[in-house]
Amino acid sequence: MAAHGGDTRLVAIAAAIALVHAPALLALTALRPAMPRLSAIAGVLIIAGTLLFSGDLAARVLWGERLFANAAPLGGMILIGAWLVTAIAGIAVGMARRRSTPPAR
């Protein structure tokens, strides 16, 4: 859509947000065995935030109106929360591995 018409700026931003967060969801699957609850929470938050943020921008271009008032900012805040949960999960996995690894001699 960004290449074929409409407000290319909004569509490009929506596409970029979706494309950046897709690999993050794949990376969260690597944390799943070690931190199933935190990685699942982070994944759901990334999906919800991306849908709200990108969906609101796409709706503006396709329908000429927003999904609902403050959908994009809410999606952005949810994405920030998702990244915080992801960071906490990563730190927790690193600390657990450090504790389980015997000290080098």
N, C-alpha and C. Protein backbone atom coordinates (compact mmCIF):
# COMPACT_ATOMS: atom_id res chain seq x y z
N MET A 1 0.83 -1.19 0.00
CA MET A 1 0.00 0.00 0.00
C MET A 1 0.87 1.26 0.00
N ALA A 2 2.01 1.19 0.73
CA ALA A 2 2.88 2.36 0.78
C ALA A 2 3.44 2.69 -0.60
N ALA A 3 3.61 1.68 -1.44
CA ALA A 3 4.18 1.91 -2.76
C ALA A 3 3.13 2.28 -3.80
N HIS A 4 1.85 2.07 -3.50
CA HIS A 4 0.82 2.25 -4.51
C HIS A 4 -0.22 3.32 -4.21
N GLY A 5 0.01 4.14 -3.23
CA GLY A 5 -0.93 5.23 -3.00
C GLY A 5 -1.30 5.38 -1.55
N GLY A 6 -2.06 6.39 -1.27
CA GLY A 6 -2.44 6.68 0.11
C GLY A 6 -1.37 7.52 0.79
N ASP A 7 -1.55 7.75 2.07
CA ASP A 7 -0.57 8.50 2.85
C ASP A 7 0.59 7.57 3.17
N THR A 8 1.61 7.60 2.32
CA THR A 8 2.71 6.66 2.43
C THR A 8 3.46 6.78 3.75
N ARG A 9 3.46 7.96 4.34
CA ARG A 9 4.17 8.14 5.62
C ARG A 9 3.54 7.28 6.70
N LEU A 10 2.23 7.33 6.85
CA LEU A 10 1.55 6.54 7.88
C LEU A 10 1.64 5.04 7.61
N VAL A 11 1.50 4.66 6.36
CA VAL A 11 1.57 3.24 6.00
C VAL A 11 2.98 2.71 6.23
N ALA A 12 3.98 3.51 5.89
CA ALA A 12 5.37 3.09 6.10
C ALA A 12 5.67 2.90 7.59
N ILE A 13 5.17 3.79 8.42
CA ILE A 13 5.38 3.67 9.87
C ILE A 13 4.69 2.41 10.38
N ALA A 14 3.44 2.18 9.96
CA ALA A 14 2.70 1.00 10.40
C ALA A 14 3.42 -0.28 9.99
N ALA A 15 3.91 -0.31 8.75
CA ALA A 15 4.63 -1.48 8.26
C ALA A 15 5.94 -1.68 9.01
N ALA A 16 6.64 -0.60 9.28
CA ALA A 16 7.92 -0.71 9.99
C ALA A 16 7.72 -1.26 11.41
N ILE A 17 6.71 -0.78 12.10
CA ILE A 17 6.43 -1.27 13.45
C ILE A 17 6.12 -2.77 13.40
N ALA A 18 5.29 -3.17 12.45
CA ALA A 18 4.94 -4.59 12.33
C ALA A 18 6.18 -5.43 11.99
N LEU A 19 7.00 -4.95 11.07
CA LEU A 19 8.18 -5.71 10.66
C LEU A 19 9.25 -5.78 11.74
N VAL A 20 9.37 -4.77 12.55
CA VAL A 20 10.37 -4.78 13.62
C VAL A 20 9.96 -5.74 14.73
N HIS A 21 8.67 -5.83 14.99
CA HIS A 21 8.23 -6.66 16.11
C HIS A 21 8.03 -8.13 15.75
N ALA A 22 7.95 -8.45 14.48
CA ALA A 22 7.83 -9.85 14.07
C ALA A 22 9.06 -10.67 14.49
N PRO A 23 10.29 -10.22 14.24
CA PRO A 23 11.44 -10.99 14.72
C PRO A 23 11.52 -11.04 16.25
N ALA A 24 11.03 -10.01 16.90
CA ALA A 24 11.02 -10.02 18.37
C ALA A 24 10.14 -11.16 18.88
N LEU A 25 9.02 -11.38 18.23
CA LEU A 25 8.15 -12.50 18.61
C LEU A 25 8.86 -13.83 18.39
N LEU A 26 9.59 -13.94 17.30
CA LEU A 26 10.36 -15.17 17.05
C LEU A 26 11.44 -15.36 18.11
N ALA A 27 12.11 -14.29 18.50
CA ALA A 27 13.14 -14.38 19.52
C ALA A 27 12.56 -14.77 20.87
N LEU A 28 11.36 -14.33 21.15
CA LEU A 28 10.73 -14.70 22.42
C LEU A 28 10.49 -16.20 22.52
N THR A 29 10.36 -16.88 21.40
CA THR A 29 10.19 -18.33 21.45
C THR A 29 11.45 -19.01 22.00
N ALA A 30 12.59 -18.37 21.84
CA ALA A 30 13.83 -18.92 22.42
C ALA A 30 13.81 -18.83 23.94
N LEU A 31 13.13 -17.83 24.49
CA LEU A 31 13.01 -17.69 25.95
C LEU A 31 11.91 -18.59 26.52
N ARG A 32 11.03 -19.07 25.68
CA ARG A 32 9.86 -19.81 26.15
C ARG A 32 10.19 -20.97 27.08
N PRO A 33 11.18 -21.83 26.76
CA PRO A 33 11.46 -22.94 27.68
C PRO A 33 11.95 -22.47 29.06
N ALA A 34 12.72 -21.41 29.09
CA ALA A 34 13.30 -20.95 30.36
C ALA A 34 12.32 -20.09 31.16
N MET A 35 11.54 -19.27 30.51
CA MET A 35 10.63 -18.34 31.18
C MET A 35 9.27 -18.38 30.47
N PRO A 36 8.51 -19.47 30.61
CA PRO A 36 7.28 -19.58 29.82
C PRO A 36 6.26 -18.48 30.12
N ARG A 37 6.10 -18.12 31.37
CA ARG A 37 5.07 -17.13 31.70
C ARG A 37 5.45 -15.74 31.21
N LEU A 38 6.69 -15.31 31.50
CA LEU A 38 7.11 -13.96 31.08
C LEU A 38 7.18 -13.83 29.56
N SER A 39 7.68 -14.85 28.89
CA SER A 39 7.76 -14.77 27.43
C SER A 39 6.37 -14.76 26.80
N ALA A 40 5.43 -15.49 27.38
CA ALA A 40 4.06 -15.47 26.86
C ALA A 40 3.41 -14.10 27.08
N ILE A 41 3.63 -13.52 28.24
CA ILE A 41 3.07 -12.18 28.52
C ILE A 41 3.67 -11.16 27.55
N ALA A 42 4.98 -11.20 27.38
CA ALA A 42 5.63 -10.27 26.46
C ALA A 42 5.12 -10.45 25.04
N GLY A 43 4.94 -11.70 24.61
CA GLY A 43 4.44 -11.97 23.27
C GLY A 43 3.04 -11.44 23.04
N VAL A 44 2.17 -11.65 24.00
CA VAL A 44 0.80 -11.15 23.89
C VAL A 44 0.79 -9.63 23.86
N LEU A 45 1.63 -9.01 24.68
CA LEU A 45 1.71 -7.54 24.69
C LEU A 45 2.24 -7.01 23.36
N ILE A 46 3.24 -7.66 22.79
CA ILE A 46 3.78 -7.22 21.49
C ILE A 46 2.70 -7.33 20.41
N ILE A 47 1.97 -8.43 20.41
CA ILE A 47 0.91 -8.59 19.42
C ILE A 47 -0.16 -7.52 19.59
N ALA A 48 -0.62 -7.33 20.82
CA ALA A 48 -1.68 -6.33 21.07
C ALA A 48 -1.21 -4.92 20.73
N GLY A 49 0.00 -4.57 21.17
CA GLY A 49 0.52 -3.23 20.90
C GLY A 49 0.71 -2.97 19.42
N THR A 50 1.23 -3.96 18.71
CA THR A 50 1.44 -3.81 17.27
C THR A 50 0.11 -3.68 16.53
N LEU A 51 -0.86 -4.51 16.92
CA LEU A 51 -2.17 -4.42 16.28
C LEU A 51 -2.82 -3.06 16.51
N LEU A 52 -2.73 -2.56 17.73
CA LEU A 52 -3.34 -1.25 18.00
C LEU A 52 -2.60 -0.13 17.29
N PHE A 53 -1.27 -0.11 17.40
CA PHE A 53 -0.50 0.99 16.81
C PHE A 53 -0.59 0.95 15.29
N SER A 54 -0.19 -0.16 14.70
CA SER A 54 -0.19 -0.27 13.23
C SER A 54 -1.61 -0.25 12.69
N GLY A 55 -2.53 -0.89 13.40
CA GLY A 55 -3.92 -0.91 12.96
C GLY A 55 -4.54 0.46 12.92
N ASP A 56 -4.22 1.29 13.92
CA ASP A 56 -4.76 2.64 13.95
C ASP A 56 -4.22 3.47 12.78
N LEU A 57 -2.93 3.36 12.51
CA LEU A 57 -2.36 4.10 11.39
C LEU A 57 -2.93 3.63 10.06
N ALA A 58 -3.09 2.31 9.90
CA ALA A 58 -3.65 1.78 8.66
C ALA A 58 -5.12 2.19 8.51
N ALA A 59 -5.86 2.19 9.61
CA ALA A 59 -7.27 2.59 9.56
C ALA A 59 -7.41 4.04 9.12
N ARG A 60 -6.49 4.88 9.55
CA ARG A 60 -6.53 6.29 9.14
C ARG A 60 -6.42 6.42 7.63
N VAL A 61 -5.55 5.59 7.03
CA VAL A 61 -5.34 5.65 5.58
C VAL A 61 -6.50 4.98 4.84
N LEU A 62 -6.91 3.80 5.29
CA LEU A 62 -7.94 3.03 4.58
C LEU A 62 -9.33 3.61 4.75
N TRP A 63 -9.70 3.96 5.99
CA TRP A 63 -11.06 4.38 6.28
C TRP A 63 -11.20 5.88 6.51
N GLY A 64 -10.06 6.56 6.69
CA GLY A 64 -10.11 7.98 6.95
C GLY A 64 -10.44 8.34 8.39
N GLU A 65 -10.46 7.36 9.26
CA GLU A 65 -10.70 7.62 10.68
C GLU A 65 -9.93 6.61 11.53
N ARG A 66 -9.84 6.92 12.80
CA ARG A 66 -9.08 6.09 13.73
C ARG A 66 -9.87 4.86 14.15
N LEU A 67 -9.15 3.87 14.70
CA LEU A 67 -9.83 2.72 15.30
C LEU A 67 -10.71 3.20 16.45
N PHE A 68 -10.09 3.94 17.36
CA PHE A 68 -10.77 4.62 18.47
C PHE A 68 -9.81 5.66 19.00
N ALA A 69 -10.30 6.57 19.80
CA ALA A 69 -9.47 7.66 20.32
C ALA A 69 -8.27 7.08 21.07
N ASN A 70 -7.09 7.58 20.75
CA ASN A 70 -5.83 7.20 21.41
C ASN A 70 -5.44 5.74 21.22
N ALA A 71 -5.85 5.10 20.15
CA ALA A 71 -5.47 3.71 19.90
C ALA A 71 -3.96 3.60 19.64
N ALA A 72 -3.40 4.49 18.82
CA ALA A 72 -1.97 4.43 18.52
C ALA A 72 -1.12 4.70 19.77
N PRO A 73 -1.41 5.74 20.56
CA PRO A 73 -0.62 5.94 21.77
C PRO A 73 -0.75 4.78 22.77
N LEU A 74 -1.94 4.21 22.88
CA LEU A 74 -2.13 3.07 23.76
C LEU A 74 -1.30 1.89 23.26
N GLY A 75 -1.33 1.66 21.96
CA GLY A 75 -0.51 0.59 21.38
C GLY A 75 0.97 0.81 21.63
N GLY A 76 1.41 2.06 21.51
CA GLY A 76 2.81 2.38 21.79
C GLY A 76 3.19 2.14 23.24
N MET A 77 2.30 2.49 24.16
CA MET A 77 2.59 2.24 25.58
C MET A 77 2.61 0.75 25.87
N ILE A 78 1.73 0.00 25.24
CA ILE A 78 1.73 -1.45 25.42
C ILE A 78 3.03 -2.04 24.88
N LEU A 79 3.52 -1.53 23.75
CA LEU A 79 4.79 -2.01 23.21
C LEU A 79 5.95 -1.69 24.15
N ILE A 80 5.95 -0.54 24.76
CA ILE A 80 6.99 -0.21 25.75
C ILE A 80 6.93 -1.21 26.90
N GLY A 81 5.73 -1.49 27.38
CA GLY A 81 5.58 -2.48 28.45
C GLY A 81 6.07 -3.86 28.01
N ALA A 82 5.80 -4.22 26.76
CA ALA A 82 6.24 -5.51 26.24
C ALA A 82 7.76 -5.61 26.24
N TRP A 83 8.41 -4.53 25.83
CA TRP A 83 9.87 -4.54 25.81
C TRP A 83 10.44 -4.59 27.23
N LEU A 84 9.78 -3.95 28.18
CA LEU A 84 10.23 -4.04 29.57
C LEU A 84 10.09 -5.46 30.10
N VAL A 85 8.97 -6.11 29.80
CA VAL A 85 8.78 -7.50 30.22
C VAL A 85 9.82 -8.40 29.54
N THR A 86 10.10 -8.15 28.27
CA THR A 86 11.12 -8.91 27.55
C THR A 86 12.49 -8.75 28.20
N ALA A 87 12.82 -7.52 28.57
CA ALA A 87 14.11 -7.27 29.23
C ALA A 87 14.18 -7.98 30.58
N ILE A 88 13.09 -7.92 31.34
CA ILE A 88 13.07 -8.61 32.63
C ILE A 88 13.23 -10.11 32.44
N ALA A 89 12.55 -10.68 31.45
CA ALA A 89 12.68 -12.11 31.17
C ALA A 89 14.11 -12.47 30.77
N GLY A 90 14.72 -11.64 29.93
CA GLY A 90 16.11 -11.90 29.52
C GLY A 90 17.07 -11.82 30.68
N ILE A 91 16.90 -10.84 31.54
CA ILE A 91 17.77 -10.71 32.71
C ILE A 91 17.57 -11.89 33.65
N ALA A 92 16.32 -12.30 33.84
CA ALA A 92 16.04 -13.44 34.72
C ALA A 92 16.66 -14.72 34.18
N VAL A 93 16.59 -14.93 32.88
CA VAL A 93 17.20 -16.12 32.27
C VAL A 93 18.71 -16.08 32.45
N GLY A 94 19.31 -14.91 32.22
CA GLY A 94 20.76 -14.77 32.40
C GLY A 94 21.19 -15.03 33.83
N MET A 95 20.44 -14.52 34.79
CA MET A 95 20.77 -14.74 36.20
C MET A 95 20.60 -16.21 36.58
N ALA A 96 19.56 -16.86 36.06
CA ALA A 96 19.35 -18.28 36.36
C ALA A 96 20.47 -19.13 35.77
N ARG A 97 20.92 -18.80 34.57
CA ARG A 97 22.03 -19.55 33.96
C ARG A 97 23.32 -19.33 34.72
N ARG A 98 23.53 -18.11 35.18
CA ARG A 98 24.75 -17.82 35.93
C ARG A 98 24.77 -18.61 37.24
N ARG A 99 23.62 -18.72 37.90
CA ARG A 99 23.54 -19.48 39.16
C ARG A 99 23.73 -20.97 38.94
N SER A 100 23.25 -21.49 37.81
CA SER A 100 23.32 -22.92 37.58
C SER A 100 24.66 -23.39 36.99
N THR A 101 25.47 -22.45 36.51
CA THR A 101 26.77 -22.78 35.94
C THR A 101 27.81 -22.86 37.05
N PRO A 102 28.54 -23.98 37.16
CA PRO A 102 29.58 -24.06 38.21
C PRO A 102 30.70 -23.08 37.91
N PRO A 103 31.35 -22.57 38.96
CA PRO A 103 32.44 -21.61 38.74
C PRO A 103 33.63 -22.26 38.05
N ALA A 104 34.29 -21.49 37.20
CA ALA A 104 35.48 -22.00 36.49
C ALA A 104 36.64 -22.09 37.47
N ARG A 105 37.50 -23.08 37.23
CA ARG A 105 38.66 -23.25 38.12
C ARG A 105 39.90 -22.71 37.53
